Amino acid sequence: MLLEAENLTKHFAGLAAVNNVSLNVKEGEILAIVGPNGAGKSVLFGLISGLLRPTSGHIRMQDTEITGWKPHRIARQGIARTFQTTALFDQLRVMDNLAIGYRQRTAGGFWSTLLHTRRWEEDKNRTTAKVMEILSFIGLAEKAFHFVSALSQAEQKRLSIGVALISEPKMILLDEPTGGLILEDTDQITDLIKKIHKVAGVTVCLIEHKMRMVMGLADRMIVLNFGSVIAEGTPVEISQNPKVIEAYLGGESVA
């Protein structure tokens, strides 16, 4: 088991955005977390990634208690994430954004950078090689020197995933990676997620509203409604679950 969350609860002004949620993420799987708007999905990601501190409950990463850790410590532990809206430096180049994402994997500090020591030179060369590797992996090698502001929405989605991936995570949390994209771009992002899973060997946990896309991608699904888990199972099982059909689609078939 890669990650376990036990009885997670998060209150905002007395209201439970996440209510007593327990779940696990198995190493090597693609897990989808779905549910209606306001179900608590992004709040759950915030708790796992350290952006939010739970009101109660526990989170363990490979048996290490990470509850309440700061985001940078959780990132070093092997959890990376993206956001619904791309969190990029749009006045910097594509390669600069990736280099910043790789900073936590370099050893040099202030003085080695200031004095251009051998360690700084080694870090620079290693970072450049890693940036080019990720650019090729996400299909943006030709855009390395472009400013982020000049990229299309789909390209910015790819870059956001690349920034998370360059930190060499064990697990990547993707928050609506195809949100706002047309069908062709959605298919390309779906292919990239499959590549991350199969080629890079990274465990994937994603939030997504495009049910047809999720049904063909996920190994397992968890459904949230009003902050609580109402169903868990394979895509086929979820598509036939009456509680899911009622909560997520108002009585229509999920499939």
Protein backbone atom coordinates (compact mmCIF):
# COMPACT_ATOMS: atom_id res chain seq x y z
CA MET A 1 0.00 0.00 0.00
CA LEU A 2 1.48 3.32 -1.08
CA LEU A 3 -0.82 5.74 0.75
CA GLU A 4 -3.46 5.30 3.44
CA ALA A 5 -5.87 7.89 4.79
CA GLU A 6 -7.86 7.05 7.91
CA ASN A 7 -10.96 8.90 9.12
CA LEU A 8 -9.96 12.19 7.51
CA THR A 9 -12.18 15.13 8.43
CA LYS A 10 -11.83 18.80 7.50
CA HIS A 11 -14.15 21.49 8.85
CA PHE A 12 -14.52 25.01 7.49
CA ALA A 13 -16.54 27.31 9.75
CA GLY A 14 -18.18 24.28 11.31
CA LEU A 15 -19.09 22.64 7.99
CA ALA A 16 -17.48 19.30 7.06
CA ALA A 17 -15.95 19.57 3.58
CA VAL A 18 -14.43 16.12 4.11
CA ASN A 19 -16.21 13.88 6.57
CA ASN A 20 -14.56 10.78 8.06
CA VAL A 21 -13.00 9.63 4.77
CA SER A 22 -10.83 6.52 4.74
CA LEU A 23 -9.11 5.35 1.56
CA ASN A 24 -5.96 3.73 0.26
CA VAL A 25 -3.91 4.05 -2.89
CA LYS A 26 -2.15 0.92 -4.08
CA GLU A 27 1.28 1.17 -5.64
CA GLY A 28 1.11 1.03 -9.43
CA GLU A 29 -2.61 1.74 -9.88
CA ILE A 30 -4.66 4.52 -11.43
CA LEU A 31 -7.25 5.61 -8.88
CA ALA A 32 -10.00 8.06 -9.85
CA ILE A 33 -11.86 10.14 -7.28
CA VAL A 34 -15.18 11.37 -8.66
CA GLY A 35 -18.34 13.03 -7.44
CA PRO A 36 -20.52 16.09 -7.94
CA ASN A 37 -19.24 19.65 -7.55
CA GLY A 38 -18.67 20.46 -3.89
CA ALA A 39 -18.24 16.82 -2.91
CA GLY A 40 -14.88 17.53 -1.23
CA LYS A 41 -12.53 16.09 -3.85
CA SER A 42 -10.09 19.02 -4.10
CA VAL A 43 -10.16 19.48 -0.32
CA LEU A 44 -9.13 15.83 0.00
CA PHE A 45 -6.19 16.47 -2.36
CA GLY A 46 -5.29 19.50 -0.26
CA LEU A 47 -5.13 17.35 2.86
CA ILE A 48 -2.99 14.67 1.19
CA SER A 49 -0.58 17.19 -0.36
CA GLY A 50 -0.20 19.25 2.83
CA LEU A 51 -1.87 22.46 1.65
CA LEU A 52 -4.58 21.88 4.25
CA ARG A 53 -4.30 20.45 7.74
CA PRO A 54 -7.00 17.93 8.71
CA THR A 55 -9.33 18.66 11.60
CA SER A 56 -8.90 14.99 12.52
CA GLY A 57 -7.66 11.76 10.99
CA HIS A 58 -4.36 10.35 9.77
CA ILE A 59 -2.41 10.06 6.50
CA ARG A 60 0.43 7.58 5.99
CA MET A 61 2.80 7.27 3.06
CA GLN A 62 4.41 3.83 3.00
CA ASP A 63 3.85 3.51 6.76
CA THR A 64 5.32 6.97 7.47
CA GLU A 65 2.89 9.31 9.23
CA ILE A 66 2.69 12.50 7.14
CA THR A 67 -0.40 14.06 8.72
CA GLY A 68 0.02 17.83 8.94
CA TRP A 69 3.37 17.92 7.16
CA LYS A 70 4.23 20.98 5.10
CA PRO A 71 3.83 20.61 1.31
CA HIS A 72 7.59 20.62 0.61
CA ARG A 73 8.17 17.74 3.04
CA ILE A 74 5.34 15.75 1.50
CA ALA A 75 6.76 16.44 -1.97
CA ARG A 76 10.13 15.09 -0.84
CA GLN A 77 8.33 12.02 0.49
CA GLY A 78 7.16 11.33 -3.06
CA ILE A 79 3.76 13.00 -3.59
CA ALA A 80 3.36 15.60 -6.35
CA ARG A 81 0.18 17.31 -7.50
CA THR A 82 -1.38 19.57 -10.11
CA PHE A 83 -4.25 22.02 -9.68
CA GLN A 84 -7.55 22.73 -11.45
CA THR A 85 -6.11 26.00 -12.69
CA THR A 86 -2.51 25.80 -13.88
CA ALA A 87 -0.08 27.09 -11.24
CA LEU A 88 2.73 28.17 -13.56
CA PHE A 89 5.09 31.15 -13.84
CA ASP A 90 3.62 32.51 -17.06
CA GLN A 91 6.28 35.19 -17.54
CA LEU A 92 9.05 32.58 -17.51
CA ARG A 93 10.01 30.10 -20.19
CA VAL A 94 8.76 26.54 -20.30
CA MET A 95 12.16 25.12 -19.34
CA ASP A 96 12.49 27.58 -16.43
CA ASN A 97 9.24 26.32 -14.90
CA LEU A 98 10.52 22.76 -15.06
CA ALA A 99 13.90 23.73 -13.61
CA ILE A 100 12.15 25.33 -10.63
CA GLY A 101 10.15 22.14 -10.16
CA TYR A 102 13.39 20.14 -10.00
CA ARG A 103 15.01 22.41 -7.40
CA GLN A 104 14.18 20.14 -4.46
CA ARG A 105 16.15 17.29 -6.09
CA THR A 106 19.39 19.32 -6.27
CA ALA A 107 21.94 19.51 -3.48
CA GLY A 108 23.50 22.96 -3.91
CA GLY A 109 22.63 25.91 -1.72
CA PHE A 110 23.06 29.68 -1.74
CA TRP A 111 26.84 29.77 -1.56
CA SER A 112 27.45 27.09 -4.18
CA THR A 113 25.18 29.04 -6.54
CA LEU A 114 26.80 32.38 -5.74
CA LEU A 115 30.36 31.04 -6.12
CA HIS A 116 29.60 28.70 -9.04
CA THR A 117 31.22 25.75 -7.29
CA ARG A 118 31.63 22.27 -8.78
CA ARG A 119 28.45 21.20 -7.02
CA TRP A 120 26.60 24.08 -8.71
CA GLU A 121 27.97 22.98 -12.09
CA GLU A 122 26.89 19.37 -11.44
CA ASP A 123 23.41 20.51 -10.38
CA LYS A 124 23.11 22.72 -13.46
CA ASN A 125 24.04 19.90 -15.83
CA ARG A 126 21.78 17.40 -14.09
CA THR A 127 18.87 19.85 -14.09
CA THR A 128 19.30 20.65 -17.79
CA ALA A 129 19.35 16.94 -18.67
CA LYS A 130 16.27 16.25 -16.56
CA VAL A 131 14.37 19.22 -18.01
CA MET A 132 15.01 18.03 -21.56
CA GLU A 133 13.98 14.49 -20.61
CA ILE A 134 10.66 15.68 -19.20
CA LEU A 135 10.04 18.04 -22.12
CA SER A 136 10.41 15.13 -24.50
CA PHE A 137 8.20 12.93 -22.31
CA ILE A 138 5.31 15.42 -22.21
CA GLY A 139 5.65 16.39 -25.86
CA LEU A 140 6.87 19.98 -25.43
CA ALA A 141 10.52 19.69 -26.48
CA GLU A 142 10.00 22.17 -29.29
CA LYS A 143 8.52 24.70 -26.85
CA ALA A 144 11.42 24.68 -24.37
CA PHE A 145 12.33 28.35 -24.92
CA HIS A 146 8.77 29.62 -25.32
CA PHE A 147 7.18 31.72 -22.60
CA VAL A 148 4.36 29.96 -20.75
CA SER A 149 1.96 32.77 -21.65
CA ALA A 150 2.35 31.82 -25.32
CA LEU A 151 1.24 28.21 -24.77
CA SER A 152 -2.24 26.91 -25.48
CA GLN A 153 -4.42 25.73 -22.59
CA ALA A 154 -3.70 22.09 -23.44
CA GLU A 155 0.06 22.76 -23.55
CA GLN A 156 -0.11 24.48 -20.16
CA LYS A 157 -1.90 21.41 -18.78
CA ARG A 158 0.93 19.26 -20.12
CA LEU A 159 3.53 21.56 -18.58
CA SER A 160 1.77 21.48 -15.19
CA ILE A 161 1.92 17.71 -15.27
CA GLY A 162 5.58 17.94 -16.27
CA VAL A 163 6.38 20.23 -13.32
CA ALA A 164 4.86 17.64 -10.98
CA LEU A 165 6.57 14.76 -12.76
CA ILE A 166 10.05 16.29 -12.73
CA SER A 167 10.16 16.05 -8.93
CA GLU A 168 10.41 12.26 -9.44
CA PRO A 169 7.31 11.38 -7.39
CA LYS A 170 6.10 7.95 -6.38
CA MET A 171 2.53 9.20 -6.74
CA ILE A 172 1.05 12.10 -8.70
CA LEU A 173 -2.26 13.77 -7.80
CA LEU A 174 -3.97 15.20 -10.89
CA ASP A 175 -6.81 17.63 -10.16
CA GLU A 176 -9.05 17.75 -13.26
CA PRO A 177 -6.18 17.36 -15.77
CA THR A 178 -8.55 17.68 -18.76
CA GLY A 179 -10.81 20.40 -17.37
CA GLY A 180 -11.88 22.86 -20.08
CA LEU A 181 -10.23 20.92 -22.92
CA ILE A 182 -11.82 19.81 -26.18
CA LEU A 183 -12.12 16.12 -27.06
CA GLU A 184 -8.86 15.90 -29.05
CA ASP A 185 -6.84 17.54 -26.27
CA THR A 186 -8.58 15.37 -23.67
CA ASP A 187 -7.50 12.25 -25.56
CA GLN A 188 -3.90 13.49 -25.66
CA ILE A 189 -3.82 14.17 -21.92
CA THR A 190 -5.36 10.74 -21.32
CA ASP A 191 -2.57 9.17 -23.37
CA LEU A 192 -0.01 11.15 -21.33
CA ILE A 193 -1.50 9.85 -18.07
CA LYS A 194 -1.27 6.28 -19.39
CA LYS A 195 2.35 6.96 -20.33
CA ILE A 196 3.12 8.29 -16.83
CA HIS A 197 1.61 5.14 -15.37
CA LYS A 198 3.09 2.55 -17.72
CA VAL A 199 6.40 4.05 -18.85
CA ALA A 200 7.43 6.19 -15.86
CA GLY A 201 5.92 3.73 -13.37
CA VAL A 202 4.25 6.45 -11.30
CA THR A 203 1.09 5.74 -9.33
CA VAL A 204 -1.72 8.07 -10.42
CA CYS A 205 -4.62 9.45 -8.40
CA LEU A 206 -6.87 11.83 -10.30
CA ILE A 207 -10.00 13.92 -9.91
CA GLU A 208 -12.01 14.16 -13.08
CA HIS A 209 -15.56 15.00 -14.19
CA LYS A 210 -15.36 13.44 -17.65
CA MET A 211 -16.83 10.08 -16.76
CA ARG A 212 -16.33 8.34 -20.10
CA MET A 213 -12.64 9.24 -19.98
CA VAL A 214 -12.30 8.02 -16.38
CA MET A 215 -14.15 4.77 -17.05
CA GLY A 216 -11.62 3.82 -19.70
CA LEU A 217 -8.60 4.92 -17.65
CA ALA A 218 -8.99 4.02 -13.97
CA ASP A 219 -8.28 0.69 -12.34
CA ARG A 220 -10.42 1.67 -9.37
CA MET A 221 -12.77 4.51 -8.43
CA ILE A 222 -13.88 6.21 -5.23
CA VAL A 223 -17.03 8.33 -5.24
CA LEU A 224 -17.52 11.24 -2.83
CA ASN A 225 -20.75 13.06 -2.07
CA PHE A 226 -21.17 15.78 0.57
CA GLY A 227 -17.65 15.02 1.82
CA SER A 228 -18.20 11.29 2.41
CA VAL A 229 -17.34 8.14 0.48
CA ILE A 230 -20.52 6.60 -0.93
CA ALA A 231 -18.99 3.95 -3.21
CA GLU A 232 -15.72 2.28 -4.15
CA GLY A 233 -14.94 -0.28 -6.83
CA THR A 234 -14.01 -0.94 -10.44
CA PRO A 235 -15.39 1.33 -13.17
CA VAL A 236 -17.95 -1.35 -14.06
CA GLU A 237 -19.10 -1.64 -10.46
CA ILE A 238 -19.32 2.12 -10.07
CA SER A 239 -21.30 2.52 -13.29
CA GLN A 240 -23.95 0.15 -11.92
CA ASN A 241 -24.11 1.50 -8.36
CA PRO A 242 -27.54 3.06 -7.66
CA LYS A 243 -26.12 5.49 -5.06
CA VAL A 244 -23.61 6.81 -7.58
CA ILE A 245 -26.18 7.14 -10.35
CA GLU A 246 -28.47 9.07 -8.05
CA ALA A 247 -25.82 11.31 -6.48
CA TYR A 248 -23.70 12.04 -9.52
CA LEU A 249 -26.15 11.98 -12.41
CA GLY A 250 -29.53 12.36 -10.81
CA GLY A 251 -30.72 8.92 -11.80
CA GLU A 252 -29.12 8.52 -15.24
CA SER A 253 -26.69 5.75 -16.15
CA VAL A 254 -23.03 6.58 -15.51
CA ALA A 255 -21.81 4.56 -18.47
